[in-house]
Amino acid sequence: MTAAWQQYRSAPDPGTRVVAADALPERGHLSLILESERGRFPLLVARLADNALVAYVNACPHQYLPLDQRGDRLLSEDGETLRCTNHDAAFATRTGEGVGGLGLGCALDAVPVRLEDGWLVIDK
């Protein structure tokens, strides 16, 4: 996992609480904005079928528009693909790698997260 997410001016500090763990949907995703004195950080969190949690900067690397700008249907039925609602770029949910359309050759910026004391928090 690269640390590209940390290059965003508004990137949250490790240990930042994101959302209560019980607010995370089973086999679904949440689009969140984390606010701090440095600005607003767009975060997309997904819980997969095996209960794994992944998080990405909510910005399509094709044009840096929010993946959910035109709707909230990002996650495929099997939970293995995220699709940008702007131009249908497809990304592997588990890795963020581009797997189709304008996503090919690109990757989402992964953000490390962990569960701690009932909260999803930003990891190192």
N, C-alpha and C. Protein backbone atom coordinates (compact mmCIF):
# COMPACT_ATOMS: atom_id res chain seq x y z
N MET A 1 0.86 -1.17 0.00
CA MET A 1 0.00 0.00 0.00
C MET A 1 0.91 1.24 0.00
N THR A 2 0.66 2.12 -0.94
CA THR A 2 1.44 3.35 -0.98
C THR A 2 0.82 4.38 -0.04
N ALA A 3 1.56 5.42 0.21
CA ALA A 3 1.07 6.47 1.11
C ALA A 3 0.63 7.69 0.32
N ALA A 4 0.18 7.51 -0.92
CA ALA A 4 -0.24 8.64 -1.76
C ALA A 4 -1.33 9.46 -1.08
N TRP A 5 -2.19 8.82 -0.31
CA TRP A 5 -3.29 9.52 0.36
C TRP A 5 -2.76 10.60 1.30
N GLN A 6 -1.55 10.39 1.85
CA GLN A 6 -0.99 11.36 2.78
C GLN A 6 -0.53 12.64 2.09
N GLN A 7 -0.45 12.63 0.77
CA GLN A 7 -0.04 13.82 0.03
C GLN A 7 -1.17 14.84 -0.12
N TYR A 8 -2.40 14.42 0.16
CA TYR A 8 -3.52 15.35 0.11
C TYR A 8 -3.39 16.34 1.27
N ARG A 9 -3.56 17.61 1.00
CA ARG A 9 -3.43 18.64 2.03
C ARG A 9 -4.35 18.37 3.22
N SER A 10 -5.51 17.82 2.98
CA SER A 10 -6.50 17.61 4.03
C SER A 10 -6.45 16.20 4.63
N ALA A 11 -5.39 15.44 4.34
CA ALA A 11 -5.30 14.06 4.84
C ALA A 11 -5.38 14.01 6.36
N PRO A 12 -6.19 13.10 6.89
CA PRO A 12 -6.32 13.00 8.35
C PRO A 12 -5.08 12.34 8.96
N ASP A 13 -4.84 12.64 10.22
CA ASP A 13 -3.73 12.04 10.94
C ASP A 13 -4.05 10.59 11.29
N PRO A 14 -3.03 9.72 11.34
CA PRO A 14 -3.26 8.37 11.85
C PRO A 14 -3.89 8.44 13.24
N GLY A 15 -4.82 7.55 13.49
CA GLY A 15 -5.55 7.54 14.75
C GLY A 15 -6.84 8.32 14.73
N THR A 16 -7.08 9.06 13.64
CA THR A 16 -8.33 9.82 13.51
C THR A 16 -9.52 8.87 13.46
N ARG A 17 -10.51 9.11 14.30
CA ARG A 17 -11.74 8.32 14.25
C ARG A 17 -12.54 8.72 13.02
N VAL A 18 -13.04 7.71 12.32
CA VAL A 18 -13.77 7.94 11.07
C VAL A 18 -15.27 7.79 11.29
N VAL A 19 -15.67 6.64 11.80
CA VAL A 19 -17.09 6.34 11.97
C VAL A 19 -17.21 5.18 12.97
N ALA A 20 -18.32 5.15 13.69
CA ALA A 20 -18.57 4.02 14.59
C ALA A 20 -18.67 2.73 13.76
N ALA A 21 -18.06 1.68 14.25
CA ALA A 21 -18.02 0.41 13.51
C ALA A 21 -19.41 -0.11 13.18
N ASP A 22 -20.38 0.09 14.06
CA ASP A 22 -21.73 -0.42 13.80
C ASP A 22 -22.47 0.39 12.74
N ALA A 23 -21.91 1.50 12.30
CA ALA A 23 -22.52 2.29 11.22
C ALA A 23 -22.07 1.82 9.84
N LEU A 24 -21.09 0.91 9.81
CA LEU A 24 -20.62 0.39 8.52
C LEU A 24 -21.58 -0.67 8.01
N PRO A 25 -22.07 -0.50 6.80
CA PRO A 25 -23.01 -1.49 6.27
C PRO A 25 -22.34 -2.82 5.97
N GLU A 26 -23.07 -3.91 6.17
CA GLU A 26 -22.56 -5.21 5.77
C GLU A 26 -22.59 -5.28 4.25
N ARG A 27 -21.50 -5.70 3.66
CA ARG A 27 -21.39 -5.82 2.20
C ARG A 27 -21.88 -4.55 1.51
N GLY A 28 -21.32 -3.43 1.91
CA GLY A 28 -21.71 -2.16 1.33
C GLY A 28 -20.61 -1.13 1.50
N HIS A 29 -20.95 0.11 1.23
CA HIS A 29 -19.96 1.18 1.33
C HIS A 29 -20.56 2.44 1.94
N LEU A 30 -19.67 3.29 2.43
CA LEU A 30 -20.03 4.60 2.95
C LEU A 30 -19.12 5.63 2.31
N SER A 31 -19.68 6.73 1.94
CA SER A 31 -18.93 7.87 1.45
C SER A 31 -18.96 8.92 2.55
N LEU A 32 -17.79 9.35 2.99
CA LEU A 32 -17.69 10.25 4.14
C LEU A 32 -16.80 11.45 3.79
N ILE A 33 -17.00 12.52 4.50
CA ILE A 33 -16.11 13.68 4.43
C ILE A 33 -15.54 13.87 5.84
N LEU A 34 -14.23 13.78 5.96
CA LEU A 34 -13.57 14.02 7.24
C LEU A 34 -13.11 15.47 7.25
N GLU A 35 -13.54 16.21 8.23
CA GLU A 35 -13.20 17.63 8.30
C GLU A 35 -12.18 17.88 9.41
N SER A 36 -11.22 18.73 9.10
CA SER A 36 -10.22 19.14 10.09
C SER A 36 -9.81 20.57 9.76
N GLU A 37 -8.89 21.09 10.54
CA GLU A 37 -8.41 22.45 10.28
C GLU A 37 -7.68 22.53 8.94
N ARG A 38 -7.28 21.38 8.38
CA ARG A 38 -6.59 21.37 7.09
C ARG A 38 -7.56 21.29 5.91
N GLY A 39 -8.83 21.07 6.19
CA GLY A 39 -9.82 21.01 5.11
C GLY A 39 -10.66 19.76 5.15
N ARG A 40 -11.29 19.49 4.01
CA ARG A 40 -12.23 18.36 3.89
C ARG A 40 -11.56 17.23 3.10
N PHE A 41 -11.59 16.01 3.67
CA PHE A 41 -10.96 14.85 3.06
C PHE A 41 -12.04 13.85 2.67
N PRO A 42 -12.19 13.55 1.37
CA PRO A 42 -13.21 12.61 0.91
C PRO A 42 -12.75 11.16 1.07
N LEU A 43 -13.52 10.37 1.79
CA LEU A 43 -13.15 8.98 2.07
C LEU A 43 -14.27 8.05 1.67
N LEU A 44 -13.91 6.94 1.07
CA LEU A 44 -14.86 5.90 0.71
C LEU A 44 -14.43 4.63 1.44
N VAL A 45 -15.34 4.05 2.22
CA VAL A 45 -15.06 2.84 2.98
C VAL A 45 -16.01 1.75 2.50
N ALA A 46 -15.47 0.54 2.31
CA ALA A 46 -16.31 -0.59 1.91
C ALA A 46 -16.06 -1.77 2.83
N ARG A 47 -17.16 -2.46 3.17
CA ARG A 47 -17.06 -3.72 3.91
C ARG A 47 -17.41 -4.83 2.93
N LEU A 48 -16.49 -5.78 2.79
CA LEU A 48 -16.65 -6.85 1.81
C LEU A 48 -17.36 -8.06 2.42
N ALA A 49 -17.68 -9.04 1.58
CA ALA A 49 -18.43 -10.22 2.01
C ALA A 49 -17.72 -10.97 3.13
N ASP A 50 -16.39 -10.99 3.13
CA ASP A 50 -15.64 -11.70 4.17
C ASP A 50 -15.38 -10.80 5.39
N ASN A 51 -16.08 -9.68 5.46
CA ASN A 51 -16.00 -8.71 6.55
C ASN A 51 -14.74 -7.84 6.50
N ALA A 52 -13.92 -7.98 5.47
CA ALA A 52 -12.73 -7.14 5.32
C ALA A 52 -13.16 -5.70 5.08
N LEU A 53 -12.38 -4.77 5.58
CA LEU A 53 -12.64 -3.35 5.38
C LEU A 53 -11.55 -2.75 4.51
N VAL A 54 -11.97 -1.96 3.53
CA VAL A 54 -11.02 -1.23 2.68
C VAL A 54 -11.48 0.22 2.62
N ALA A 55 -10.52 1.12 2.43
CA ALA A 55 -10.84 2.54 2.33
C ALA A 55 -9.96 3.17 1.27
N TYR A 56 -10.55 4.13 0.56
CA TYR A 56 -9.86 4.86 -0.51
C TYR A 56 -10.23 6.33 -0.45
N VAL A 57 -9.34 7.15 -0.97
CA VAL A 57 -9.71 8.55 -1.19
C VAL A 57 -10.84 8.51 -2.21
N ASN A 58 -11.92 9.21 -1.93
CA ASN A 58 -13.07 9.20 -2.84
C ASN A 58 -12.81 10.19 -3.98
N ALA A 59 -11.88 9.79 -4.85
CA ALA A 59 -11.51 10.60 -6.01
C ALA A 59 -11.04 9.67 -7.11
N CYS A 60 -11.75 9.66 -8.21
CA CYS A 60 -11.37 8.83 -9.34
C CYS A 60 -10.06 9.38 -9.91
N PRO A 61 -9.04 8.53 -10.09
CA PRO A 61 -7.76 9.02 -10.60
C PRO A 61 -7.83 9.49 -12.06
N HIS A 62 -8.92 9.22 -12.73
CA HIS A 62 -9.07 9.65 -14.12
C HIS A 62 -9.24 11.16 -14.19
N GLN A 63 -10.13 11.73 -13.35
CA GLN A 63 -10.35 13.18 -13.35
C GLN A 63 -10.46 13.76 -11.94
N TYR A 64 -10.23 12.96 -10.94
CA TYR A 64 -10.29 13.35 -9.53
C TYR A 64 -11.65 13.88 -9.10
N LEU A 65 -12.70 13.39 -9.76
CA LEU A 65 -14.07 13.67 -9.32
C LEU A 65 -14.46 12.60 -8.31
N PRO A 66 -15.38 12.88 -7.39
CA PRO A 66 -15.83 11.85 -6.46
C PRO A 66 -16.41 10.66 -7.22
N LEU A 67 -16.07 9.47 -6.77
CA LEU A 67 -16.59 8.26 -7.42
C LEU A 67 -18.11 8.23 -7.42
N ASP A 68 -18.72 8.79 -6.40
CA ASP A 68 -20.18 8.76 -6.25
C ASP A 68 -20.84 10.08 -6.62
N GLN A 69 -20.20 10.89 -7.43
CA GLN A 69 -20.75 12.20 -7.78
C GLN A 69 -22.13 12.10 -8.44
N ARG A 70 -22.35 11.06 -9.22
CA ARG A 70 -23.64 10.93 -9.94
C ARG A 70 -24.53 9.83 -9.38
N GLY A 71 -24.29 9.43 -8.15
CA GLY A 71 -25.13 8.40 -7.55
C GLY A 71 -24.34 7.54 -6.59
N ASP A 72 -25.04 6.71 -5.84
CA ASP A 72 -24.36 5.93 -4.81
C ASP A 72 -24.23 4.44 -5.15
N ARG A 73 -24.45 4.08 -6.39
CA ARG A 73 -24.33 2.68 -6.80
C ARG A 73 -22.92 2.42 -7.32
N LEU A 74 -21.99 2.28 -6.39
CA LEU A 74 -20.58 2.09 -6.74
C LEU A 74 -20.14 0.63 -6.71
N LEU A 75 -20.67 -0.11 -5.77
CA LEU A 75 -20.21 -1.46 -5.49
C LEU A 75 -20.98 -2.48 -6.31
N SER A 76 -20.25 -3.38 -6.97
CA SER A 76 -20.89 -4.44 -7.76
C SER A 76 -21.65 -5.40 -6.84
N GLU A 77 -22.53 -6.21 -7.42
CA GLU A 77 -23.31 -7.19 -6.66
C GLU A 77 -22.43 -8.09 -5.81
N ASP A 78 -21.31 -8.55 -6.38
CA ASP A 78 -20.43 -9.45 -5.64
C ASP A 78 -19.46 -8.70 -4.72
N GLY A 79 -19.47 -7.37 -4.77
CA GLY A 79 -18.63 -6.57 -3.91
C GLY A 79 -17.18 -6.47 -4.33
N GLU A 80 -16.85 -7.02 -5.48
CA GLU A 80 -15.45 -7.08 -5.90
C GLU A 80 -15.02 -5.93 -6.81
N THR A 81 -15.96 -5.08 -7.24
CA THR A 81 -15.62 -3.98 -8.15
C THR A 81 -16.30 -2.70 -7.69
N LEU A 82 -15.53 -1.62 -7.72
CA LEU A 82 -16.06 -0.27 -7.51
C LEU A 82 -16.09 0.42 -8.86
N ARG A 83 -17.18 1.12 -9.17
CA ARG A 83 -17.29 1.83 -10.44
C ARG A 83 -17.52 3.31 -10.20
N CYS A 84 -16.78 4.12 -10.93
CA CYS A 84 -16.96 5.56 -10.88
C CYS A 84 -18.27 5.90 -11.60
N THR A 85 -19.12 6.68 -10.96
CA THR A 85 -20.41 7.02 -11.56
C THR A 85 -20.29 8.09 -12.63
N ASN A 86 -19.14 8.72 -12.75
CA ASN A 86 -18.95 9.76 -13.77
C ASN A 86 -18.65 9.18 -15.15
N HIS A 87 -17.76 8.19 -15.21
CA HIS A 87 -17.38 7.67 -16.53
C HIS A 87 -17.13 6.17 -16.51
N ASP A 88 -17.70 5.47 -15.52
CA ASP A 88 -17.72 4.01 -15.48
C ASP A 88 -16.34 3.36 -15.37
N ALA A 89 -15.34 4.09 -14.90
CA ALA A 89 -14.04 3.47 -14.63
C ALA A 89 -14.25 2.42 -13.54
N ALA A 90 -13.61 1.26 -13.69
CA ALA A 90 -13.80 0.16 -12.74
C ALA A 90 -12.50 -0.14 -12.00
N PHE A 91 -12.63 -0.44 -10.70
CA PHE A 91 -11.49 -0.69 -9.84
C PHE A 91 -11.76 -1.92 -8.97
N ALA A 92 -10.74 -2.74 -8.75
CA ALA A 92 -10.86 -3.89 -7.86
C ALA A 92 -11.04 -3.37 -6.44
N THR A 93 -12.09 -3.80 -5.78
CA THR A 93 -12.41 -3.30 -4.45
C THR A 93 -11.30 -3.61 -3.45
N ARG A 94 -10.71 -4.78 -3.54
CA ARG A 94 -9.70 -5.20 -2.56
C ARG A 94 -8.36 -4.51 -2.72
N THR A 95 -8.02 -4.09 -3.94
CA THR A 95 -6.69 -3.52 -4.19
C THR A 95 -6.71 -2.09 -4.68
N GLY A 96 -7.83 -1.64 -5.24
CA GLY A 96 -7.92 -0.31 -5.81
C GLY A 96 -7.37 -0.22 -7.23
N GLU A 97 -6.83 -1.31 -7.76
CA GLU A 97 -6.26 -1.30 -9.10
C GLU A 97 -7.36 -1.18 -10.16
N GLY A 98 -7.09 -0.42 -11.22
CA GLY A 98 -8.02 -0.28 -12.31
C GLY A 98 -8.19 -1.60 -13.05
N VAL A 99 -9.44 -2.00 -13.29
CA VAL A 99 -9.71 -3.28 -13.94
C VAL A 99 -10.60 -3.14 -15.18
N GLY A 100 -11.05 -1.93 -15.47
CA GLY A 100 -11.90 -1.78 -16.64
C GLY A 100 -12.14 -0.34 -17.03
N GLY A 101 -12.44 -0.15 -18.30
CA GLY A 101 -12.76 1.18 -18.81
C GLY A 101 -11.64 2.17 -18.56
N LEU A 102 -11.99 3.38 -18.19
CA LEU A 102 -10.99 4.42 -17.97
C LEU A 102 -10.19 4.20 -16.69
N GLY A 103 -10.50 3.16 -15.94
CA GLY A 103 -9.72 2.81 -14.76
C GLY A 103 -8.44 2.06 -15.09
N LEU A 104 -8.38 1.47 -16.28
CA LEU A 104 -7.19 0.71 -16.66
C LEU A 104 -5.96 1.60 -16.61
N GLY A 105 -4.92 1.10 -15.97
CA GLY A 105 -3.68 1.86 -15.85
C GLY A 105 -3.68 2.83 -14.69
N CYS A 106 -4.76 2.90 -13.95
CA CYS A 106 -4.89 3.80 -12.80
C CYS A 106 -5.10 2.97 -11.54
N ALA A 107 -5.08 3.63 -10.41
CA ALA A 107 -5.41 2.97 -9.15
C ALA A 107 -5.97 4.02 -8.19
N LEU A 108 -6.88 3.57 -7.36
CA LEU A 108 -7.41 4.43 -6.30
C LEU A 108 -6.35 4.58 -5.22
N ASP A 109 -6.35 5.71 -4.51
CA ASP A 109 -5.42 5.93 -3.42
C ASP A 109 -5.97 5.27 -2.16
N ALA A 110 -5.35 4.16 -1.76
CA ALA A 110 -5.78 3.41 -0.58
C ALA A 110 -5.45 4.18 0.69
N VAL A 111 -6.35 4.09 1.65
CA VAL A 111 -6.16 4.70 2.97
C VAL A 111 -6.22 3.57 3.99
N PRO A 112 -5.16 3.37 4.78
CA PRO A 112 -5.18 2.27 5.75
C PRO A 112 -6.14 2.58 6.90
N VAL A 113 -6.95 1.60 7.25
CA VAL A 113 -7.91 1.74 8.35
C VAL A 113 -7.86 0.49 9.22
N ARG A 114 -8.32 0.64 10.45
CA ARG A 114 -8.42 -0.49 11.37
C ARG A 114 -9.60 -0.24 12.32
N LEU A 115 -10.06 -1.30 12.95
CA LEU A 115 -11.10 -1.17 13.98
C LEU A 115 -10.41 -1.05 15.34
N GLU A 116 -10.88 -0.09 16.13
CA GLU A 116 -10.31 0.12 17.46
C GLU A 116 -11.38 0.66 18.39
N ASP A 117 -11.64 -0.08 19.46
CA ASP A 117 -12.61 0.35 20.47
C ASP A 117 -13.96 0.74 19.88
N GLY A 118 -14.44 -0.05 18.92
CA GLY A 118 -15.75 0.20 18.33
C GLY A 118 -15.78 1.27 17.26
N TRP A 119 -14.62 1.74 16.83
CA TRP A 119 -14.53 2.79 15.81
C TRP A 119 -13.65 2.33 14.66
N LEU A 120 -13.96 2.82 13.47
CA LEU A 120 -13.04 2.69 12.35
C LEU A 120 -12.11 3.89 12.46
N VAL A 121 -10.79 3.65 12.45
CA VAL A 121 -9.83 4.72 12.58
C VAL A 121 -8.80 4.65 11.46
N ILE A 122 -8.19 5.77 11.17
CA ILE A 122 -7.13 5.83 10.18
C ILE A 122 -5.90 5.17 10.79
N ASP A 123 -5.30 4.25 10.04
CA ASP A 123 -4.11 3.55 10.49
C ASP A 123 -2.86 4.25 9.93
N LYS A 124 -1.72 3.72 10.25
CA LYS A 124 -0.45 4.28 9.75
C LYS A 124 -0.10 3.72 8.40
